[in-house]
mmCIF file of all heavy atoms, coordinates in Angstrom:
data_MODEL
# 
_entry.id   MODEL 
# 
loop_
_atom_site.group_PDB 
_atom_site.id 
_atom_site.type_symbol 
_atom_site.label_atom_id 
_atom_site.label_alt_id 
_atom_site.label_comp_id 
_atom_site.label_asym_id 
_atom_site.label_entity_id 
_atom_site.label_seq_id 
_atom_site.pdbx_PDB_ins_code 
_atom_site.Cartn_x 
_atom_site.Cartn_y 
_atom_site.Cartn_z 
_atom_site.occupancy 
_atom_site.B_iso_or_equiv 
_atom_site.pdbx_formal_charge 
_atom_site.auth_seq_id 
_atom_site.auth_comp_id 
_atom_site.auth_asym_id 
_atom_site.auth_atom_id 
_atom_site.pdbx_PDB_model_num 
ATOM 1   N N   . LEU A 1 1  ? 64.156 -30.630 52.026 1.00 0.00 ? 1  LEU A N   1 
ATOM 2   C CA  . LEU A 1 1  ? 63.593 -29.639 52.932 1.00 0.00 ? 1  LEU A CA  1 
ATOM 3   C C   . LEU A 1 1  ? 63.957 -28.227 52.363 1.00 0.00 ? 1  LEU A C   1 
ATOM 4   O O   . LEU A 1 1  ? 63.136 -27.281 52.452 1.00 0.00 ? 1  LEU A O   1 
ATOM 5   C CB  . LEU A 1 1  ? 64.151 -29.777 54.337 1.00 0.00 ? 1  LEU A CB  1 
ATOM 6   C CG  . LEU A 1 1  ? 63.527 -30.843 55.293 1.00 0.00 ? 1  LEU A CG  1 
ATOM 7   C CD1 . LEU A 1 1  ? 64.326 -30.957 56.562 1.00 0.00 ? 1  LEU A CD1 1 
ATOM 8   C CD2 . LEU A 1 1  ? 62.055 -30.420 55.486 1.00 0.00 ? 1  LEU A CD2 1 
ATOM 9   N N   . GLU A 1 2  ? 65.178 -28.072 51.940 1.00 0.00 ? 2  GLU A N   1 
ATOM 10  C CA  . GLU A 1 2  ? 65.683 -26.734 51.404 1.00 0.00 ? 2  GLU A CA  1 
ATOM 11  C C   . GLU A 1 2  ? 64.877 -26.430 50.183 1.00 0.00 ? 2  GLU A C   1 
ATOM 12  O O   . GLU A 1 2  ? 64.423 -25.215 50.022 1.00 0.00 ? 2  GLU A O   1 
ATOM 13  C CB  . GLU A 1 2  ? 67.131 -26.775 51.046 1.00 0.00 ? 2  GLU A CB  1 
ATOM 14  C CG  . GLU A 1 2  ? 68.018 -26.879 52.307 1.00 0.00 ? 2  GLU A CG  1 
ATOM 15  C CD  . GLU A 1 2  ? 69.452 -26.996 52.065 1.00 0.00 ? 2  GLU A CD  1 
ATOM 16  O OE1 . GLU A 1 2  ? 69.808 -27.479 50.861 1.00 0.00 ? 2  GLU A OE1 1 
ATOM 17  O OE2 . GLU A 1 2  ? 70.326 -26.804 52.893 1.00 0.00 ? 2  GLU A OE2 1 
ATOM 18  N N   . ALA A 1 3  ? 64.603 -27.415 49.311 1.00 0.00 ? 3  ALA A N   1 
ATOM 19  C CA  . ALA A 1 3  ? 63.850 -27.099 48.110 1.00 0.00 ? 3  ALA A CA  1 
ATOM 20  C C   . ALA A 1 3  ? 62.342 -26.778 48.414 1.00 0.00 ? 3  ALA A C   1 
ATOM 21  O O   . ALA A 1 3  ? 61.851 -25.888 47.803 1.00 0.00 ? 3  ALA A O   1 
ATOM 22  C CB  . ALA A 1 3  ? 63.884 -28.332 47.190 1.00 0.00 ? 3  ALA A CB  1 
ATOM 23  N N   . ASP A 1 4  ? 61.739 -27.473 49.338 1.00 0.00 ? 4  ASP A N   1 
ATOM 24  C CA  . ASP A 1 4  ? 60.470 -27.147 49.672 1.00 0.00 ? 4  ASP A CA  1 
ATOM 25  C C   . ASP A 1 4  ? 60.384 -25.758 50.347 1.00 0.00 ? 4  ASP A C   1 
ATOM 26  O O   . ASP A 1 4  ? 59.391 -25.053 50.056 1.00 0.00 ? 4  ASP A O   1 
ATOM 27  C CB  . ASP A 1 4  ? 59.889 -28.215 50.795 1.00 0.00 ? 4  ASP A CB  1 
ATOM 28  C CG  . ASP A 1 4  ? 59.662 -29.578 50.114 1.00 0.00 ? 4  ASP A CG  1 
ATOM 29  O OD1 . ASP A 1 4  ? 59.690 -29.727 48.984 1.00 0.00 ? 4  ASP A OD1 1 
ATOM 30  O OD2 . ASP A 1 4  ? 59.494 -30.544 50.933 1.00 0.00 ? 4  ASP A OD2 1 
ATOM 31  N N   . ALA A 1 5  ? 61.339 -25.375 51.172 1.00 0.00 ? 5  ALA A N   1 
ATOM 32  C CA  . ALA A 1 5  ? 61.332 -24.097 51.824 1.00 0.00 ? 5  ALA A CA  1 
ATOM 33  C C   . ALA A 1 5  ? 61.414 -22.999 50.724 1.00 0.00 ? 5  ALA A C   1 
ATOM 34  O O   . ALA A 1 5  ? 60.713 -21.917 50.825 1.00 0.00 ? 5  ALA A O   1 
ATOM 35  C CB  . ALA A 1 5  ? 62.375 -23.998 52.846 1.00 0.00 ? 5  ALA A CB  1 
ATOM 36  N N   . GLU A 1 6  ? 62.313 -23.266 49.799 1.00 0.00 ? 6  GLU A N   1 
ATOM 37  C CA  . GLU A 1 6  ? 62.549 -22.321 48.649 1.00 0.00 ? 6  GLU A CA  1 
ATOM 38  C C   . GLU A 1 6  ? 61.183 -22.116 47.810 1.00 0.00 ? 6  GLU A C   1 
ATOM 39  O O   . GLU A 1 6  ? 60.884 -21.016 47.411 1.00 0.00 ? 6  GLU A O   1 
ATOM 40  C CB  . GLU A 1 6  ? 63.599 -22.745 47.746 1.00 0.00 ? 6  GLU A CB  1 
ATOM 41  C CG  . GLU A 1 6  ? 63.885 -21.851 46.613 1.00 0.00 ? 6  GLU A CG  1 
ATOM 42  C CD  . GLU A 1 6  ? 64.422 -20.464 46.923 1.00 0.00 ? 6  GLU A CD  1 
ATOM 43  O OE1 . GLU A 1 6  ? 64.923 -20.309 48.052 1.00 0.00 ? 6  GLU A OE1 1 
ATOM 44  O OE2 . GLU A 1 6  ? 64.242 -19.577 46.163 1.00 0.00 ? 6  GLU A OE2 1 
ATOM 45  N N   . ALA A 1 7  ? 60.498 -23.237 47.631 1.00 0.00 ? 7  ALA A N   1 
ATOM 46  C CA  . ALA A 1 7  ? 59.306 -23.206 46.826 1.00 0.00 ? 7  ALA A CA  1 
ATOM 47  C C   . ALA A 1 7  ? 58.232 -22.410 47.582 1.00 0.00 ? 7  ALA A C   1 
ATOM 48  O O   . ALA A 1 7  ? 57.549 -21.632 46.934 1.00 0.00 ? 7  ALA A O   1 
ATOM 49  C CB  . ALA A 1 7  ? 58.807 -24.589 46.593 1.00 0.00 ? 7  ALA A CB  1 
ATOM 50  N N   . VAL A 1 8  ? 58.143 -22.531 48.823 1.00 0.00 ? 8  VAL A N   1 
ATOM 51  C CA  . VAL A 1 8  ? 57.210 -21.798 49.620 1.00 0.00 ? 8  VAL A CA  1 
ATOM 52  C C   . VAL A 1 8  ? 57.564 -20.267 49.639 1.00 0.00 ? 8  VAL A C   1 
ATOM 53  O O   . VAL A 1 8  ? 56.645 -19.449 49.383 1.00 0.00 ? 8  VAL A O   1 
ATOM 54  C CB  . VAL A 1 8  ? 57.257 -22.242 51.123 1.00 0.00 ? 8  VAL A CB  1 
ATOM 55  C CG1 . VAL A 1 8  ? 56.423 -21.383 52.047 1.00 0.00 ? 8  VAL A CG1 1 
ATOM 56  C CG2 . VAL A 1 8  ? 56.567 -23.651 51.238 1.00 0.00 ? 8  VAL A CG2 1 
ATOM 57  N N   . MET A 1 9  ? 58.805 -20.012 49.692 1.00 0.00 ? 9  MET A N   1 
ATOM 58  C CA  . MET A 1 9  ? 59.191 -18.555 49.648 1.00 0.00 ? 9  MET A CA  1 
ATOM 59  C C   . MET A 1 9  ? 58.867 -17.949 48.239 1.00 0.00 ? 9  MET A C   1 
ATOM 60  O O   . MET A 1 9  ? 58.430 -16.776 48.146 1.00 0.00 ? 9  MET A O   1 
ATOM 61  C CB  . MET A 1 9  ? 60.679 -18.368 49.916 1.00 0.00 ? 9  MET A CB  1 
ATOM 62  C CG  . MET A 1 9  ? 60.988 -18.634 51.435 1.00 0.00 ? 9  MET A CG  1 
ATOM 63  S SD  . MET A 1 9  ? 62.691 -18.285 51.989 1.00 0.00 ? 9  MET A SD  1 
ATOM 64  C CE  . MET A 1 9  ? 63.680 -18.269 50.587 1.00 0.00 ? 9  MET A CE  1 
ATOM 65  N N   . GLN A 1 10 ? 59.105 -18.778 47.223 1.00 0.00 ? 10 GLN A N   1 
ATOM 66  C CA  . GLN A 1 10 ? 58.858 -18.217 45.819 1.00 0.00 ? 10 GLN A CA  1 
ATOM 67  C C   . GLN A 1 10 ? 57.371 -18.067 45.676 1.00 0.00 ? 10 GLN A C   1 
ATOM 68  O O   . GLN A 1 10 ? 56.890 -17.116 45.008 1.00 0.00 ? 10 GLN A O   1 
ATOM 69  C CB  . GLN A 1 10 ? 59.416 -19.211 44.827 1.00 0.00 ? 10 GLN A CB  1 
ATOM 70  C CG  . GLN A 1 10 ? 60.883 -19.148 44.714 1.00 0.00 ? 10 GLN A CG  1 
ATOM 71  C CD  . GLN A 1 10 ? 61.488 -20.104 43.629 1.00 0.00 ? 10 GLN A CD  1 
ATOM 72  O OE1 . GLN A 1 10 ? 60.730 -20.901 43.059 1.00 0.00 ? 10 GLN A OE1 1 
ATOM 73  N NE2 . GLN A 1 10 ? 62.783 -20.084 43.463 1.00 0.00 ? 10 GLN A NE2 1 
ATOM 74  N N   . GLU A 1 11 ? 56.584 -18.953 46.157 1.00 0.00 ? 11 GLU A N   1 
ATOM 75  C CA  . GLU A 1 11 ? 55.037 -18.833 46.076 1.00 0.00 ? 11 GLU A CA  1 
ATOM 76  C C   . GLU A 1 11 ? 54.648 -17.593 46.799 1.00 0.00 ? 11 GLU A C   1 
ATOM 77  O O   . GLU A 1 11 ? 53.777 -16.904 46.277 1.00 0.00 ? 11 GLU A O   1 
ATOM 78  C CB  . GLU A 1 11 ? 54.360 -20.068 46.564 1.00 0.00 ? 11 GLU A CB  1 
ATOM 79  C CG  . GLU A 1 11 ? 54.470 -21.306 45.697 1.00 0.00 ? 11 GLU A CG  1 
ATOM 80  C CD  . GLU A 1 11 ? 53.905 -22.518 46.354 1.00 0.00 ? 11 GLU A CD  1 
ATOM 81  O OE1 . GLU A 1 11 ? 53.020 -22.348 47.203 1.00 0.00 ? 11 GLU A OE1 1 
ATOM 82  O OE2 . GLU A 1 11 ? 54.297 -23.579 45.942 1.00 0.00 ? 11 GLU A OE2 1 
ATOM 83  N N   . ALA A 1 12 ? 55.217 -17.328 47.937 1.00 0.00 ? 12 ALA A N   1 
ATOM 84  C CA  . ALA A 1 12 ? 54.801 -16.153 48.701 1.00 0.00 ? 12 ALA A CA  1 
ATOM 85  C C   . ALA A 1 12 ? 55.172 -14.945 47.994 1.00 0.00 ? 12 ALA A C   1 
ATOM 86  O O   . ALA A 1 12 ? 54.379 -13.954 47.938 1.00 0.00 ? 12 ALA A O   1 
ATOM 87  C CB  . ALA A 1 12 ? 55.430 -16.210 50.138 1.00 0.00 ? 12 ALA A CB  1 
ATOM 88  N N   . ALA A 1 13 ? 56.436 -14.884 47.430 1.00 0.00 ? 13 ALA A N   1 
ATOM 89  C CA  . ALA A 1 13 ? 56.768 -13.702 46.628 1.00 0.00 ? 13 ALA A CA  1 
ATOM 90  C C   . ALA A 1 13 ? 55.952 -13.478 45.410 1.00 0.00 ? 13 ALA A C   1 
ATOM 91  O O   . ALA A 1 13 ? 55.624 -12.288 45.105 1.00 0.00 ? 13 ALA A O   1 
ATOM 92  C CB  . ALA A 1 13 ? 58.292 -13.838 46.186 1.00 0.00 ? 13 ALA A CB  1 
ATOM 93  N N   . ALA A 1 14 ? 55.546 -14.569 44.721 1.00 0.00 ? 14 ALA A N   1 
ATOM 94  C CA  . ALA A 1 14 ? 54.662 -14.459 43.549 1.00 0.00 ? 14 ALA A CA  1 
ATOM 95  C C   . ALA A 1 14 ? 53.341 -13.883 43.977 1.00 0.00 ? 14 ALA A C   1 
ATOM 96  O O   . ALA A 1 14 ? 52.752 -13.026 43.198 1.00 0.00 ? 14 ALA A O   1 
ATOM 97  C CB  . ALA A 1 14 ? 54.509 -15.764 42.892 1.00 0.00 ? 14 ALA A CB  1 
ATOM 98  N N   . GLU A 1 15 ? 52.808 -14.336 45.143 1.00 0.00 ? 15 GLU A N   1 
ATOM 99  C CA  . GLU A 1 15 ? 51.508 -13.873 45.670 1.00 0.00 ? 15 GLU A CA  1 
ATOM 100 C C   . GLU A 1 15 ? 51.547 -12.385 45.986 1.00 0.00 ? 15 GLU A C   1 
ATOM 101 O O   . GLU A 1 15 ? 50.668 -11.592 45.658 1.00 0.00 ? 15 GLU A O   1 
ATOM 102 C CB  . GLU A 1 15 ? 51.047 -14.679 46.849 1.00 0.00 ? 15 GLU A CB  1 
ATOM 103 C CG  . GLU A 1 15 ? 49.779 -14.167 47.464 1.00 0.00 ? 15 GLU A CG  1 
ATOM 104 C CD  . GLU A 1 15 ? 48.670 -14.382 46.554 1.00 0.00 ? 15 GLU A CD  1 
ATOM 105 O OE1 . GLU A 1 15 ? 48.642 -15.095 45.505 1.00 0.00 ? 15 GLU A OE1 1 
ATOM 106 O OE2 . GLU A 1 15 ? 47.593 -13.680 46.724 1.00 0.00 ? 15 GLU A OE2 1 
ATOM 107 N N   . GLN A 1 16 ? 52.721 -11.916 46.616 1.00 0.00 ? 16 GLN A N   1 
ATOM 108 C CA  . GLN A 1 16 ? 52.837 -10.474 46.834 1.00 0.00 ? 16 GLN A CA  1 
ATOM 109 C C   . GLN A 1 16 ? 52.904 -9.714  45.585 1.00 0.00 ? 16 GLN A C   1 
ATOM 110 O O   . GLN A 1 16 ? 52.330 -8.588  45.570 1.00 0.00 ? 16 GLN A O   1 
ATOM 111 C CB  . GLN A 1 16 ? 54.173 -10.241 47.644 1.00 0.00 ? 16 GLN A CB  1 
ATOM 112 C CG  . GLN A 1 16 ? 54.052 -10.774 49.114 1.00 0.00 ? 16 GLN A CG  1 
ATOM 113 C CD  . GLN A 1 16 ? 55.358 -10.628 49.865 1.00 0.00 ? 16 GLN A CD  1 
ATOM 114 O OE1 . GLN A 1 16 ? 56.417 -10.349 49.324 1.00 0.00 ? 16 GLN A OE1 1 
ATOM 115 N NE2 . GLN A 1 16 ? 55.323 -10.714 51.209 1.00 0.00 ? 16 GLN A NE2 1 
ATOM 116 N N   . ARG A 1 17 ? 53.628 -10.196 44.638 1.00 0.00 ? 17 ARG A N   1 
ATOM 117 C CA  . ARG A 1 17 ? 53.714 -9.439  43.356 1.00 0.00 ? 17 ARG A CA  1 
ATOM 118 C C   . ARG A 1 17 ? 52.310 -9.318  42.618 1.00 0.00 ? 17 ARG A C   1 
ATOM 119 O O   . ARG A 1 17 ? 51.905 -8.335  42.155 1.00 0.00 ? 17 ARG A O   1 
ATOM 120 C CB  . ARG A 1 17 ? 54.641 -10.145 42.354 1.00 0.00 ? 17 ARG A CB  1 
ATOM 121 C CG  . ARG A 1 17 ? 56.164 -9.951  42.736 1.00 0.00 ? 17 ARG A CG  1 
ATOM 122 C CD  . ARG A 1 17 ? 57.123 -10.372 41.630 1.00 0.00 ? 17 ARG A CD  1 
ATOM 123 N NE  . ARG A 1 17 ? 56.991 -11.811 41.267 1.00 0.00 ? 17 ARG A NE  1 
ATOM 124 C CZ  . ARG A 1 17 ? 57.600 -12.778 41.891 1.00 0.00 ? 17 ARG A CZ  1 
ATOM 125 N NH1 . ARG A 1 17 ? 58.420 -12.555 42.925 1.00 0.00 ? 17 ARG A NH1 1 
ATOM 126 N NH2 . ARG A 1 17 ? 57.354 -13.997 41.489 1.00 0.00 ? 17 ARG A NH2 1 
ATOM 127 N N   . ARG A 1 18 ? 51.562 -10.446 42.774 1.00 0.00 ? 18 ARG A N   1 
ATOM 128 C CA  . ARG A 1 18 ? 50.225 -10.463 42.171 1.00 0.00 ? 18 ARG A CA  1 
ATOM 129 C C   . ARG A 1 18 ? 49.319 -9.461  42.923 1.00 0.00 ? 18 ARG A C   1 
ATOM 130 O O   . ARG A 1 18 ? 48.605 -8.688  42.312 1.00 0.00 ? 18 ARG A O   1 
ATOM 131 C CB  . ARG A 1 18 ? 49.535 -11.846 42.298 1.00 0.00 ? 18 ARG A CB  1 
ATOM 132 C CG  . ARG A 1 18 ? 48.184 -11.999 41.582 1.00 0.00 ? 18 ARG A CG  1 
ATOM 133 C CD  . ARG A 1 18 ? 47.565 -13.343 41.831 1.00 0.00 ? 18 ARG A CD  1 
ATOM 134 N NE  . ARG A 1 18 ? 47.252 -13.494 43.243 1.00 0.00 ? 18 ARG A NE  1 
ATOM 135 C CZ  . ARG A 1 18 ? 46.287 -12.897 43.920 1.00 0.00 ? 18 ARG A CZ  1 
ATOM 136 N NH1 . ARG A 1 18 ? 45.501 -12.066 43.264 1.00 0.00 ? 18 ARG A NH1 1 
ATOM 137 N NH2 . ARG A 1 18 ? 46.093 -13.125 45.213 1.00 0.00 ? 18 ARG A NH2 1 
ATOM 138 N N   . GLN A 1 19 ? 49.398 -9.404  44.266 1.00 0.00 ? 19 GLN A N   1 
ATOM 139 C CA  . GLN A 1 19 ? 48.591 -8.462  44.951 1.00 0.00 ? 19 GLN A CA  1 
ATOM 140 C C   . GLN A 1 19 ? 48.925 -7.035  44.650 1.00 0.00 ? 19 GLN A C   1 
ATOM 141 O O   . GLN A 1 19 ? 48.100 -6.097  44.586 1.00 0.00 ? 19 GLN A O   1 
ATOM 142 C CB  . GLN A 1 19 ? 48.652 -8.758  46.544 1.00 0.00 ? 19 GLN A CB  1 
ATOM 143 C CG  . GLN A 1 19 ? 47.946 -10.033 46.926 1.00 0.00 ? 19 GLN A CG  1 
ATOM 144 C CD  . GLN A 1 19 ? 48.123 -10.400 48.392 1.00 0.00 ? 19 GLN A CD  1 
ATOM 145 O OE1 . GLN A 1 19 ? 48.844 -9.637  49.158 1.00 0.00 ? 19 GLN A OE1 1 
ATOM 146 N NE2 . GLN A 1 19 ? 47.472 -11.417 48.901 1.00 0.00 ? 19 GLN A NE2 1 
ATOM 147 N N   . ALA A 1 20 ? 50.218 -6.749  44.585 1.00 0.00 ? 20 ALA A N   1 
ATOM 148 C CA  . ALA A 1 20 ? 50.746 -5.489  44.240 1.00 0.00 ? 20 ALA A CA  1 
ATOM 149 C C   . ALA A 1 20 ? 50.271 -5.043  42.925 1.00 0.00 ? 20 ALA A C   1 
ATOM 150 O O   . ALA A 1 20 ? 49.773 -3.834  42.690 1.00 0.00 ? 20 ALA A O   1 
ATOM 151 C CB  . ALA A 1 20 ? 52.266 -5.383  44.332 1.00 0.00 ? 20 ALA A CB  1 
ATOM 152 N N   . ALA A 1 21 ? 50.268 -5.908  41.947 1.00 0.00 ? 21 ALA A N   1 
ATOM 153 C CA  . ALA A 1 21 ? 49.798 -5.597  40.632 1.00 0.00 ? 21 ALA A CA  1 
ATOM 154 C C   . ALA A 1 21 ? 48.245 -5.286  40.653 1.00 0.00 ? 21 ALA A C   1 
ATOM 155 O O   . ALA A 1 21 ? 47.833 -4.377  39.941 1.00 0.00 ? 21 ALA A O   1 
ATOM 156 C CB  . ALA A 1 21 ? 50.000 -6.714  39.646 1.00 0.00 ? 21 ALA A CB  1 
ATOM 157 N N   . GLU A 1 22 ? 47.509 -6.112  41.468 1.00 0.00 ? 22 GLU A N   1 
ATOM 158 C CA  . GLU A 1 22 ? 46.076 -5.774  41.530 1.00 0.00 ? 22 GLU A CA  1 
ATOM 159 C C   . GLU A 1 22 ? 45.823 -4.459  42.164 1.00 0.00 ? 22 GLU A C   1 
ATOM 160 O O   . GLU A 1 22 ? 44.912 -3.727  41.760 1.00 0.00 ? 22 GLU A O   1 
ATOM 161 C CB  . GLU A 1 22 ? 45.469 -6.926  42.342 1.00 0.00 ? 22 GLU A CB  1 
ATOM 162 C CG  . GLU A 1 22 ? 45.271 -8.217  41.656 1.00 0.00 ? 22 GLU A CG  1 
ATOM 163 C CD  . GLU A 1 22 ? 44.634 -9.364  42.543 1.00 0.00 ? 22 GLU A CD  1 
ATOM 164 O OE1 . GLU A 1 22 ? 44.414 -9.086  43.745 1.00 0.00 ? 22 GLU A OE1 1 
ATOM 165 O OE2 . GLU A 1 22 ? 44.458 -10.442 42.035 1.00 0.00 ? 22 GLU A OE2 1 
ATOM 166 N N   . GLN A 1 23 ? 46.625 -4.086  43.187 1.00 0.00 ? 23 GLN A N   1 
ATOM 167 C CA  . GLN A 1 23 ? 46.421 -2.808  43.793 1.00 0.00 ? 23 GLN A CA  1 
ATOM 168 C C   . GLN A 1 23 ? 46.768 -1.562  42.865 1.00 0.00 ? 23 GLN A C   1 
ATOM 169 O O   . GLN A 1 23 ? 46.072 -0.612  42.836 1.00 0.00 ? 23 GLN A O   1 
ATOM 170 C CB  . GLN A 1 23 ? 47.231 -2.628  45.098 1.00 0.00 ? 23 GLN A CB  1 
ATOM 171 C CG  . GLN A 1 23 ? 46.837 -3.547  46.229 1.00 0.00 ? 23 GLN A CG  1 
ATOM 172 C CD  . GLN A 1 23 ? 47.777 -3.601  47.358 1.00 0.00 ? 23 GLN A CD  1 
ATOM 173 O OE1 . GLN A 1 23 ? 48.875 -3.119  47.307 1.00 0.00 ? 23 GLN A OE1 1 
ATOM 174 N NE2 . GLN A 1 23 ? 47.343 -4.246  48.539 1.00 0.00 ? 23 GLN A NE2 1 
ATOM 175 N N   . ARG A 1 24 ? 47.869 -1.782  42.133 1.00 0.00 ? 24 ARG A N   1 
ATOM 176 C CA  . ARG A 1 24 ? 48.186 -0.831  41.106 1.00 0.00 ? 24 ARG A CA  1 
ATOM 177 C C   . ARG A 1 24 ? 47.043 -0.579  40.071 1.00 0.00 ? 24 ARG A C   1 
ATOM 178 O O   . ARG A 1 24 ? 46.734 0.452   39.630 1.00 0.00 ? 24 ARG A O   1 
ATOM 179 C CB  . ARG A 1 24 ? 49.542 -1.171  40.437 1.00 0.00 ? 24 ARG A CB  1 
ATOM 180 C CG  . ARG A 1 24 ? 50.744 -0.829  41.291 1.00 0.00 ? 24 ARG A CG  1 
ATOM 181 C CD  . ARG A 1 24 ? 52.025 -0.927  40.535 1.00 0.00 ? 24 ARG A CD  1 
ATOM 182 N NE  . ARG A 1 24 ? 52.270 -2.272  39.864 1.00 0.00 ? 24 ARG A NE  1 
ATOM 183 C CZ  . ARG A 1 24 ? 52.823 -3.310  40.453 1.00 0.00 ? 24 ARG A CZ  1 
ATOM 184 N NH1 . ARG A 1 24 ? 53.273 -3.261  41.674 1.00 0.00 ? 24 ARG A NH1 1 
ATOM 185 N NH2 . ARG A 1 24 ? 52.938 -4.436  39.730 1.00 0.00 ? 24 ARG A NH2 1 
ATOM 186 N N   . ALA A 1 25 ? 46.518 -1.789  39.575 1.00 0.00 ? 25 ALA A N   1 
ATOM 187 C CA  . ALA A 1 25 ? 45.482 -1.729  38.642 1.00 0.00 ? 25 ALA A CA  1 
ATOM 188 C C   . ALA A 1 25 ? 44.260 -1.086  39.186 1.00 0.00 ? 25 ALA A C   1 
ATOM 189 O O   . ALA A 1 25 ? 43.574 -0.269  38.526 1.00 0.00 ? 25 ALA A O   1 
ATOM 190 C CB  . ALA A 1 25 ? 45.203 -3.173  38.173 1.00 0.00 ? 25 ALA A CB  1 
# 
């Protein structure tokens, strides 16, 4: 459960970084 929750948080953080990069571009 902890590993799954961590994976979800990492995916969300990666998505936020991707969106921020797109906005900057």
